[in-house]
Amino acid sequence: MKSFLLLLSRIFLASVFIYEAYDSIVRFEETKQTMAAYGITWQPNTLLVLTISGLIVGSIFLIIGYRVALASTILIAYLLPVTLIVYSFWNDPMPQRQVHLLYFIKNIAIVGGLISIGVHGPGRWSIRRVLDVQRAPLW
């Protein structure tokens, strides 16, 4: 049961980033405009393509349980700066402050989940375990 729940948590966490990658691809130009509105103007095409690639690779690795520490690091490297830039609740007027604080805390909780999976590993149901089981002895 524990291994199934670890797999489920990896899928749930990765789904957030898969949707973000999908949305960024479908709304590529709008995403670039949003980046510009937040002051991110240096090489927006390159940054967006690298971000989308990182989201896809990190999500796939997380789901299949391959190099979950690396996957978690990639996804955290995306989520922390985005959270600090977009949900800077301390700069917002009061009605927006509460909503942005909620989103900020939610994203920090997602970072906590990624750290936990990165530290504890993917569990029994992972591609990594399949690869290790099928590997022939080297002696």
Protein backbone atom coordinates (compact mmCIF):
# COMPACT_ATOMS: atom_id res chain seq x y z
CA MET A 1 0.00 0.00 0.00
CA LYS A 2 2.86 2.38 0.83
CA SER A 3 4.42 1.93 -2.62
CA PHE A 4 1.09 2.59 -4.31
CA LEU A 5 0.62 5.80 -2.31
CA LEU A 6 4.14 6.94 -3.24
CA LEU A 7 3.35 6.34 -6.90
CA LEU A 8 0.07 8.21 -6.53
CA SER A 9 1.81 11.15 -4.86
CA ARG A 10 4.39 11.29 -7.67
CA ILE A 11 1.60 11.31 -10.26
CA PHE A 12 -0.33 14.03 -8.43
CA LEU A 13 2.73 16.24 -8.05
CA ALA A 14 3.81 15.73 -11.65
CA SER A 15 0.32 16.53 -12.96
CA VAL A 16 0.70 20.12 -11.78
CA PHE A 17 3.85 20.54 -13.85
CA ILE A 18 2.55 18.63 -16.88
CA TYR A 19 -0.42 20.97 -17.01
CA GLU A 20 1.88 23.98 -16.64
CA ALA A 21 4.01 22.74 -19.56
CA TYR A 22 0.92 22.06 -21.68
CA ASP A 23 -0.53 25.47 -20.90
CA SER A 24 2.77 27.18 -21.72
CA ILE A 25 2.95 25.39 -25.08
CA VAL A 26 -0.65 26.12 -26.04
CA ARG A 27 -0.43 29.74 -24.91
CA PHE A 28 3.20 30.35 -25.86
CA GLU A 29 2.80 34.01 -26.90
CA GLU A 30 0.55 34.85 -23.94
CA THR A 31 3.04 33.23 -21.60
CA LYS A 32 5.81 35.39 -23.05
CA GLN A 33 3.65 38.48 -22.50
CA THR A 34 3.03 37.43 -18.90
CA MET A 35 6.78 36.94 -18.41
CA ALA A 36 7.37 40.46 -19.76
CA ALA A 37 4.72 41.85 -17.40
CA TYR A 38 6.70 40.40 -14.48
CA GLY A 39 9.95 41.87 -15.80
CA ILE A 40 11.42 38.74 -17.38
CA THR A 41 12.57 40.12 -20.72
CA TRP A 42 15.95 38.47 -21.30
CA GLN A 43 15.68 35.84 -24.08
CA PRO A 44 12.00 35.00 -23.45
CA ASN A 45 11.82 32.36 -26.22
CA THR A 46 14.88 30.53 -24.93
CA LEU A 47 13.78 30.75 -21.31
CA LEU A 48 10.31 29.51 -22.13
CA VAL A 49 11.53 26.58 -24.24
CA LEU A 50 14.02 25.59 -21.51
CA THR A 51 11.32 25.90 -18.87
CA ILE A 52 8.85 23.78 -20.82
CA SER A 53 11.55 21.17 -21.47
CA GLY A 54 12.47 21.08 -17.80
CA LEU A 55 8.85 20.72 -16.76
CA ILE A 56 8.29 17.85 -19.17
CA VAL A 57 11.51 16.00 -18.31
CA GLY A 58 11.08 16.55 -14.57
CA SER A 59 7.46 15.40 -14.66
CA ILE A 60 8.16 12.28 -16.70
CA PHE A 61 11.10 11.33 -14.48
CA LEU A 62 8.96 11.89 -11.40
CA ILE A 63 6.09 9.77 -12.70
CA ILE A 64 8.22 6.83 -13.81
CA GLY A 65 10.39 7.05 -10.70
CA TYR A 66 13.68 7.56 -12.49
CA ARG A 67 16.21 9.89 -10.86
CA VAL A 68 13.56 11.45 -8.65
CA ALA A 69 16.11 13.59 -6.81
CA LEU A 70 17.12 15.19 -10.11
CA ALA A 71 13.48 15.51 -11.19
CA SER A 72 12.59 17.15 -7.87
CA THR A 73 15.51 19.54 -8.18
CA ILE A 74 14.49 20.56 -11.71
CA LEU A 75 10.88 21.14 -10.68
CA ILE A 76 11.87 23.04 -7.53
CA ALA A 77 14.26 25.19 -9.60
CA TYR A 78 11.22 26.18 -11.66
CA LEU A 79 8.66 26.51 -8.89
CA LEU A 80 10.55 28.57 -6.30
CA PRO A 81 11.47 31.53 -8.53
CA VAL A 82 8.02 31.54 -10.14
CA THR A 83 6.39 31.53 -6.72
CA LEU A 84 8.56 34.37 -5.43
CA ILE A 85 7.99 36.47 -8.57
CA VAL A 86 4.31 35.85 -9.26
CA TYR A 87 2.93 35.48 -5.75
CA SER A 88 4.85 38.21 -3.93
CA PHE A 89 1.92 38.78 -1.59
CA TRP A 90 3.90 41.22 0.55
CA ASN A 91 3.69 43.78 -2.30
CA ASP A 92 -0.03 43.35 -3.03
CA PRO A 93 -3.04 45.36 -1.84
CA MET A 94 -5.15 43.65 0.82
CA PRO A 95 -7.82 41.83 -1.27
CA GLN A 96 -5.14 40.31 -3.54
CA ARG A 97 -2.75 39.68 -0.67
CA GLN A 98 -4.89 36.93 0.82
CA VAL A 99 -5.29 35.08 -2.48
CA HIS A 100 -1.60 35.36 -3.36
CA LEU A 101 -0.62 34.25 0.15
CA LEU A 102 -2.76 31.13 -0.31
CA TYR A 103 -1.12 30.35 -3.69
CA PHE A 104 2.31 31.07 -2.20
CA ILE A 105 1.74 28.62 0.66
CA LYS A 106 0.32 26.01 -1.75
CA ASN A 107 3.43 26.21 -3.91
CA ILE A 108 5.69 25.98 -0.87
CA ALA A 109 3.76 22.84 0.15
CA ILE A 110 4.38 21.39 -3.33
CA VAL A 111 8.09 22.14 -2.87
CA GLY A 112 7.91 20.24 0.43
CA GLY A 113 6.38 17.24 -1.33
CA LEU A 114 9.09 17.34 -4.00
CA ILE A 115 11.81 17.52 -1.36
CA SER A 116 10.28 14.56 0.46
CA ILE A 117 10.17 12.41 -2.68
CA GLY A 118 13.66 13.53 -3.68
CA VAL A 119 15.06 12.55 -0.28
CA HIS A 120 13.15 9.29 0.28
CA GLY A 121 13.17 8.02 -3.29
CA PRO A 122 10.42 6.79 -5.57
CA GLY A 123 9.40 3.68 -3.67
CA ARG A 124 9.04 0.17 -4.99
CA TRP A 125 6.97 1.02 -8.08
CA SER A 126 9.50 2.79 -10.23
CA ILE A 127 11.39 2.26 -13.46
CA ARG A 128 14.61 2.49 -11.46
CA ARG A 129 13.73 -0.66 -9.55
CA VAL A 130 12.84 -2.47 -12.80
CA LEU A 131 16.19 -1.50 -14.31
CA ASP A 132 18.08 -2.62 -11.19
CA VAL A 133 16.28 -5.98 -11.09
CA GLN A 134 16.97 -6.74 -14.74
CA ARG A 135 20.64 -5.77 -14.57
CA ALA A 136 22.97 -8.76 -14.79
CA PRO A 137 25.70 -9.21 -12.17
CA LEU A 138 29.05 -7.77 -13.21
CA TRP A 139 31.27 -10.55 -11.83
